Amino acid sequence: QVQLVESGGGSVQAGGSLRLSCAASGYTNIRYSMGWFRQAPGKERERVATIDTFVTTSYANSVKGRFTISKDNAKNTLYLQMNSLKPEDTAMYYCAADPDLSRLWLGRGQYWGQGTQVIVSS
């Protein structure tokens, strides 16, 4: 059983930055793709960024050039560096993991964290 715990959310003004972290534990020898998703009130959950086992990254068009996903395997931690934040980035952010990238891509990851709130004020 994999456990994911997000941290680093908070309130920031537009144009500011935040770095989200997702600490993972309980890994087996299975290699996991991981990703960040977000859900704003009244909206569907959307994929923000993913990183696969070959460290290939992918981003939603709305965050390209502003957000960077990375991971530290030694620390079993996934990160999301968010720069130039906009009010429309306000959402609950979740990390997820799955051995199957395509399933993760579709938002059907096997493991999910509880989320961390990001609020961006104008």
N, C-alpha and C. Protein backbone atom coordinates (compact mmCIF):
# COMPACT_ATOMS: atom_id res chain seq x y z
N GLN A 1 0.85 -1.19 0.00
CA GLN A 1 0.00 0.00 0.00
C GLN A 1 0.89 1.24 0.00
N VAL A 2 0.61 2.14 -0.94
CA VAL A 2 1.38 3.38 -1.06
C VAL A 2 0.61 4.49 -0.37
N GLN A 3 1.29 5.26 0.44
CA GLN A 3 0.69 6.43 1.08
C GLN A 3 1.32 7.69 0.49
N LEU A 4 0.48 8.67 0.21
CA LEU A 4 0.93 9.95 -0.35
C LEU A 4 0.44 11.07 0.53
N VAL A 5 1.35 11.97 0.91
CA VAL A 5 0.99 13.09 1.78
C VAL A 5 1.51 14.38 1.16
N GLU A 6 0.58 15.25 0.79
CA GLU A 6 0.93 16.53 0.19
C GLU A 6 1.16 17.60 1.26
N SER A 7 1.98 18.58 0.92
CA SER A 7 2.20 19.75 1.77
C SER A 7 2.65 20.90 0.89
N GLY A 8 2.69 22.09 1.48
CA GLY A 8 3.22 23.24 0.77
C GLY A 8 2.19 24.20 0.23
N GLY A 9 0.92 23.85 0.36
CA GLY A 9 -0.10 24.77 -0.11
C GLY A 9 -0.20 25.99 0.78
N GLY A 10 -0.99 26.95 0.34
CA GLY A 10 -1.17 28.17 1.12
C GLY A 10 -1.80 29.25 0.29
N SER A 11 -1.77 30.45 0.83
CA SER A 11 -2.33 31.62 0.15
C SER A 11 -1.21 32.50 -0.35
N VAL A 12 -1.36 32.97 -1.57
CA VAL A 12 -0.33 33.81 -2.18
C VAL A 12 -0.99 34.79 -3.13
N GLN A 13 -0.35 35.90 -3.35
CA GLN A 13 -0.88 36.87 -4.31
C GLN A 13 -0.50 36.47 -5.73
N ALA A 14 -1.29 36.95 -6.66
CA ALA A 14 -1.01 36.68 -8.07
C ALA A 14 0.41 37.11 -8.41
N GLY A 15 1.07 36.26 -9.19
CA GLY A 15 2.46 36.51 -9.54
C GLY A 15 3.45 35.84 -8.61
N GLY A 16 2.96 35.34 -7.50
CA GLY A 16 3.83 34.69 -6.52
C GLY A 16 4.12 33.25 -6.85
N SER A 17 4.83 32.59 -5.94
CA SER A 17 5.26 31.21 -6.15
C SER A 17 4.96 30.36 -4.93
N LEU A 18 4.78 29.07 -5.18
CA LEU A 18 4.66 28.07 -4.14
C LEU A 18 5.32 26.80 -4.63
N ARG A 19 5.81 25.99 -3.70
CA ARG A 19 6.31 24.67 -4.05
C ARG A 19 5.56 23.62 -3.24
N LEU A 20 4.87 22.76 -3.95
CA LEU A 20 4.16 21.66 -3.32
C LEU A 20 5.07 20.44 -3.24
N SER A 21 4.88 19.69 -2.17
CA SER A 21 5.62 18.44 -1.99
C SER A 21 4.63 17.30 -1.77
N CYS A 22 5.03 16.13 -2.19
CA CYS A 22 4.23 14.93 -1.98
C CYS A 22 5.18 13.83 -1.50
N ALA A 23 5.09 13.50 -0.23
CA ALA A 23 5.94 12.47 0.35
C ALA A 23 5.27 11.11 0.19
N ALA A 24 6.00 10.18 -0.38
CA ALA A 24 5.47 8.85 -0.65
C ALA A 24 6.12 7.82 0.26
N SER A 25 5.34 6.88 0.70
CA SER A 25 5.85 5.79 1.52
C SER A 25 5.10 4.51 1.19
N GLY A 26 5.66 3.38 1.64
CA GLY A 26 4.99 2.11 1.41
C GLY A 26 5.24 1.53 0.04
N TYR A 27 6.25 2.02 -0.65
CA TYR A 27 6.55 1.51 -1.98
C TYR A 27 6.96 0.05 -1.97
N THR A 28 6.57 -0.65 -3.02
CA THR A 28 7.11 -1.98 -3.27
C THR A 28 8.19 -1.80 -4.32
N ASN A 29 8.58 -2.84 -4.98
CA ASN A 29 9.58 -2.68 -6.03
C ASN A 29 8.94 -2.31 -7.36
N ILE A 30 7.66 -2.01 -7.34
CA ILE A 30 6.98 -1.55 -8.55
C ILE A 30 7.36 -0.09 -8.79
N ARG A 31 7.61 0.25 -10.02
CA ARG A 31 7.95 1.63 -10.36
C ARG A 31 6.66 2.38 -10.72
N TYR A 32 6.52 3.57 -10.21
CA TYR A 32 5.30 4.33 -10.36
C TYR A 32 5.51 5.61 -11.18
N SER A 33 4.57 5.88 -12.04
CA SER A 33 4.45 7.23 -12.60
C SER A 33 3.67 8.05 -11.57
N MET A 34 3.96 9.35 -11.55
CA MET A 34 3.29 10.19 -10.56
C MET A 34 2.82 11.47 -11.21
N GLY A 35 1.87 12.11 -10.56
CA GLY A 35 1.34 13.33 -11.15
C GLY A 35 0.68 14.23 -10.13
N TRP A 36 0.42 15.44 -10.56
CA TRP A 36 -0.34 16.43 -9.78
C TRP A 36 -1.64 16.71 -10.52
N PHE A 37 -2.70 16.78 -9.75
CA PHE A 37 -4.02 17.10 -10.26
C PHE A 37 -4.60 18.20 -9.38
N ARG A 38 -5.60 18.88 -9.88
CA ARG A 38 -6.23 19.91 -9.07
C ARG A 38 -7.72 19.94 -9.33
N GLN A 39 -8.43 20.42 -8.34
CA GLN A 39 -9.88 20.56 -8.47
C GLN A 39 -10.32 21.83 -7.78
N ALA A 40 -10.92 22.71 -8.57
CA ALA A 40 -11.47 23.95 -8.05
C ALA A 40 -12.94 23.73 -7.70
N PRO A 41 -13.49 24.55 -6.80
CA PRO A 41 -14.89 24.39 -6.42
C PRO A 41 -15.81 24.46 -7.64
N GLY A 42 -16.68 23.48 -7.75
CA GLY A 42 -17.63 23.47 -8.85
C GLY A 42 -17.08 23.00 -10.18
N LYS A 43 -15.84 22.59 -10.19
CA LYS A 43 -15.22 22.15 -11.44
C LYS A 43 -14.74 20.71 -11.30
N GLU A 44 -14.53 20.09 -12.45
CA GLU A 44 -14.00 18.73 -12.46
C GLU A 44 -12.50 18.75 -12.14
N ARG A 45 -12.04 17.63 -11.62
CA ARG A 45 -10.61 17.50 -11.38
C ARG A 45 -9.87 17.49 -12.71
N GLU A 46 -8.73 18.17 -12.76
CA GLU A 46 -7.96 18.22 -13.99
C GLU A 46 -6.50 17.85 -13.72
N ARG A 47 -5.90 17.29 -14.74
CA ARG A 47 -4.50 16.93 -14.67
C ARG A 47 -3.65 18.20 -14.79
N VAL A 48 -2.65 18.35 -13.95
CA VAL A 48 -1.76 19.49 -14.00
C VAL A 48 -0.43 19.10 -14.64
N ALA A 49 0.18 18.04 -14.12
CA ALA A 49 1.48 17.60 -14.63
C ALA A 49 1.72 16.15 -14.22
N THR A 50 2.47 15.46 -15.06
CA THR A 50 2.84 14.08 -14.74
C THR A 50 4.32 13.87 -15.01
N ILE A 51 4.88 12.86 -14.36
CA ILE A 51 6.26 12.47 -14.58
C ILE A 51 6.31 10.95 -14.54
N ASP A 52 6.88 10.37 -15.58
CA ASP A 52 6.86 8.91 -15.64
C ASP A 52 8.17 8.33 -15.10
N THR A 53 8.29 7.02 -15.21
CA THR A 53 9.45 6.34 -14.63
C THR A 53 10.75 6.64 -15.39
N PHE A 54 10.63 7.22 -16.59
CA PHE A 54 11.80 7.65 -17.34
C PHE A 54 12.08 9.14 -17.15
N VAL A 55 11.35 9.72 -16.21
CA VAL A 55 11.46 11.16 -15.88
C VAL A 55 11.02 12.03 -17.05
N THR A 56 10.15 11.51 -17.87
CA THR A 56 9.53 12.31 -18.92
C THR A 56 8.36 13.06 -18.31
N THR A 57 8.30 14.35 -18.56
CA THR A 57 7.25 15.17 -17.95
C THR A 57 6.23 15.63 -18.99
N SER A 58 5.05 15.93 -18.48
CA SER A 58 3.99 16.44 -19.32
C SER A 58 3.18 17.44 -18.51
N TYR A 59 2.69 18.48 -19.18
CA TYR A 59 1.98 19.55 -18.49
C TYR A 59 0.68 19.89 -19.20
N ALA A 60 -0.28 20.33 -18.42
CA ALA A 60 -1.48 20.92 -19.00
C ALA A 60 -1.09 22.23 -19.65
N ASN A 61 -1.77 22.58 -20.72
CA ASN A 61 -1.45 23.82 -21.44
C ASN A 61 -1.56 25.04 -20.53
N SER A 62 -2.46 25.00 -19.60
CA SER A 62 -2.70 26.16 -18.74
C SER A 62 -1.55 26.45 -17.79
N VAL A 63 -0.64 25.48 -17.58
CA VAL A 63 0.45 25.69 -16.63
C VAL A 63 1.82 25.62 -17.28
N LYS A 64 1.87 25.31 -18.56
CA LYS A 64 3.16 25.19 -19.25
C LYS A 64 3.95 26.49 -19.14
N GLY A 65 5.23 26.34 -18.81
CA GLY A 65 6.09 27.50 -18.69
C GLY A 65 6.04 28.16 -17.33
N ARG A 66 5.06 27.75 -16.50
CA ARG A 66 4.94 28.34 -15.15
C ARG A 66 5.19 27.30 -14.05
N PHE A 67 4.77 26.06 -14.29
CA PHE A 67 4.90 24.99 -13.30
C PHE A 67 5.97 24.01 -13.74
N THR A 68 6.65 23.42 -12.75
CA THR A 68 7.65 22.39 -13.02
C THR A 68 7.46 21.23 -12.07
N ILE A 69 7.30 20.04 -12.62
CA ILE A 69 7.19 18.82 -11.81
C ILE A 69 8.55 18.15 -11.75
N SER A 70 8.88 17.64 -10.58
CA SER A 70 10.15 16.93 -10.41
C SER A 70 10.01 15.95 -9.27
N LYS A 71 10.98 15.07 -9.15
CA LYS A 71 10.96 14.12 -8.04
C LYS A 71 12.36 13.83 -7.56
N ASP A 72 12.44 13.53 -6.28
CA ASP A 72 13.69 13.16 -5.65
C ASP A 72 13.54 11.71 -5.19
N ASN A 73 14.12 10.79 -5.94
CA ASN A 73 13.93 9.38 -5.62
C ASN A 73 14.54 9.01 -4.27
N ALA A 74 15.63 9.67 -3.92
CA ALA A 74 16.27 9.37 -2.64
C ALA A 74 15.36 9.72 -1.46
N LYS A 75 14.54 10.74 -1.65
CA LYS A 75 13.63 11.19 -0.59
C LYS A 75 12.21 10.68 -0.80
N ASN A 76 12.00 9.95 -1.89
CA ASN A 76 10.63 9.49 -2.22
C ASN A 76 9.64 10.64 -2.20
N THR A 77 10.03 11.73 -2.80
CA THR A 77 9.20 12.93 -2.76
C THR A 77 9.00 13.50 -4.17
N LEU A 78 7.77 13.86 -4.44
CA LEU A 78 7.39 14.52 -5.69
C LEU A 78 7.17 16.01 -5.41
N TYR A 79 7.56 16.84 -6.34
CA TYR A 79 7.43 18.29 -6.17
C TYR A 79 6.65 18.91 -7.32
N LEU A 80 6.08 20.06 -7.03
CA LEU A 80 5.49 20.90 -8.07
C LEU A 80 5.86 22.34 -7.75
N GLN A 81 6.79 22.88 -8.52
CA GLN A 81 7.16 24.29 -8.37
C GLN A 81 6.20 25.11 -9.21
N MET A 82 5.51 26.02 -8.56
CA MET A 82 4.51 26.84 -9.24
C MET A 82 4.93 28.30 -9.19
N ASN A 83 5.20 28.87 -10.33
CA ASN A 83 5.59 30.27 -10.46
C ASN A 83 4.54 31.06 -11.21
N SER A 84 4.61 32.36 -11.10
CA SER A 84 3.67 33.24 -11.81
C SER A 84 2.23 32.79 -11.60
N LEU A 85 1.89 32.55 -10.36
CA LEU A 85 0.56 32.03 -10.05
C LEU A 85 -0.53 33.02 -10.42
N LYS A 86 -1.66 32.48 -10.84
CA LYS A 86 -2.81 33.27 -11.24
C LYS A 86 -4.00 32.89 -10.37
N PRO A 87 -4.98 33.77 -10.24
CA PRO A 87 -6.17 33.42 -9.45
C PRO A 87 -6.84 32.13 -9.93
N GLU A 88 -6.78 31.87 -11.22
CA GLU A 88 -7.40 30.65 -11.75
C GLU A 88 -6.64 29.38 -11.38
N ASP A 89 -5.49 29.52 -10.74
CA ASP A 89 -4.78 28.35 -10.22
C ASP A 89 -5.31 27.92 -8.86
N THR A 90 -6.20 28.71 -8.29
CA THR A 90 -6.79 28.37 -7.00
C THR A 90 -7.54 27.06 -7.08
N ALA A 91 -7.16 26.12 -6.22
CA ALA A 91 -7.75 24.78 -6.24
C ALA A 91 -7.15 23.94 -5.12
N MET A 92 -7.76 22.78 -4.90
CA MET A 92 -7.14 21.77 -4.07
C MET A 92 -6.23 20.96 -4.99
N TYR A 93 -5.00 20.78 -4.58
CA TYR A 93 -4.02 20.06 -5.40
C TYR A 93 -3.75 18.68 -4.78
N TYR A 94 -3.79 17.68 -5.64
CA TYR A 94 -3.59 16.30 -5.21
C TYR A 94 -2.43 15.67 -5.96
N CYS A 95 -1.67 14.83 -5.29
CA CYS A 95 -0.72 14.02 -6.01
C CYS A 95 -1.27 12.60 -6.12
N ALA A 96 -0.83 11.92 -7.15
CA ALA A 96 -1.31 10.58 -7.42
C ALA A 96 -0.19 9.73 -7.98
N ALA A 97 -0.31 8.44 -7.84
CA ALA A 97 0.70 7.50 -8.33
C ALA A 97 0.03 6.27 -8.91
N ASP A 98 0.65 5.74 -9.96
CA ASP A 98 0.13 4.52 -10.58
C ASP A 98 1.26 3.89 -11.41
N PRO A 99 1.32 2.57 -11.44
CA PRO A 99 2.33 1.94 -12.31
C PRO A 99 2.05 2.18 -13.79
N ASP A 100 0.81 2.48 -14.13
CA ASP A 100 0.38 2.67 -15.52
C ASP A 100 0.21 4.17 -15.80
N LEU A 101 1.08 4.75 -16.63
CA LEU A 101 1.01 6.18 -16.91
C LEU A 101 -0.30 6.55 -17.58
N SER A 102 -0.79 5.71 -18.47
CA SER A 102 -2.02 6.05 -19.19
C SER A 102 -3.20 6.12 -18.23
N ARG A 103 -3.23 5.25 -17.25
CA ARG A 103 -4.30 5.30 -16.27
C ARG A 103 -4.17 6.54 -15.40
N LEU A 104 -2.95 6.88 -15.03
CA LEU A 104 -2.72 8.10 -14.28
C LEU A 104 -3.14 9.32 -15.08
N TRP A 105 -2.78 9.33 -16.35
CA TRP A 105 -3.08 10.44 -17.25
C TRP A 105 -4.59 10.72 -17.28
N LEU A 106 -5.36 9.65 -17.21
CA LEU A 106 -6.82 9.78 -17.25
C LEU A 106 -7.42 10.13 -15.90
N GLY A 107 -6.57 10.35 -14.92
CA GLY A 107 -7.07 10.70 -13.60
C GLY A 107 -7.58 9.51 -12.81
N ARG A 108 -7.13 8.32 -13.19
CA ARG A 108 -7.60 7.11 -12.52
C ARG A 108 -6.47 6.43 -11.78
N GLY A 109 -5.57 7.26 -11.22
CA GLY A 109 -4.44 6.70 -10.51
C GLY A 109 -4.86 5.81 -9.36
N GLN A 110 -4.01 4.85 -9.07
CA GLN A 110 -4.32 3.88 -8.04
C GLN A 110 -4.24 4.49 -6.64
N TYR A 111 -3.31 5.40 -6.44
CA TYR A 111 -3.10 5.99 -5.12
C TYR A 111 -3.22 7.51 -5.18
N TRP A 112 -3.84 8.07 -4.17
CA TRP A 112 -4.06 9.53 -4.10
C TRP A 112 -3.77 10.03 -2.71
N GLY A 113 -3.26 11.26 -2.65
CA GLY A 113 -3.12 11.92 -1.37
C GLY A 113 -4.40 12.63 -0.98
N GLN A 114 -4.37 13.29 0.16
CA GLN A 114 -5.56 13.98 0.68
C GLN A 114 -5.70 15.38 0.14
N GLY A 115 -4.65 15.91 -0.44
CA GLY A 115 -4.73 17.22 -1.07
C GLY A 115 -4.16 18.33 -0.20
N THR A 116 -3.75 19.40 -0.86
CA THR A 116 -3.29 20.62 -0.20
C THR A 116 -3.89 21.80 -0.94
N GLN A 117 -4.40 22.77 -0.19
CA GLN A 117 -5.14 23.88 -0.77
C GLN A 117 -4.20 24.99 -1.23
N VAL A 118 -4.45 25.48 -2.42
CA VAL A 118 -3.72 26.64 -2.95
C VAL A 118 -4.75 27.74 -3.25
N ILE A 119 -4.51 28.92 -2.72
CA ILE A 119 -5.38 30.06 -2.95
C ILE A 119 -4.53 31.20 -3.50
N VAL A 120 -4.91 31.71 -4.65
CA VAL A 120 -4.18 32.80 -5.28
C VAL A 120 -5.13 33.99 -5.38
N SER A 121 -4.75 35.08 -4.74
CA SER A 121 -5.59 36.27 -4.74
C SER A 121 -5.07 37.29 -5.74
N SER A 122 -6.01 38.04 -6.29
CA SER A 122 -5.63 39.04 -7.31
C SER A 122 -5.23 40.35 -6.67
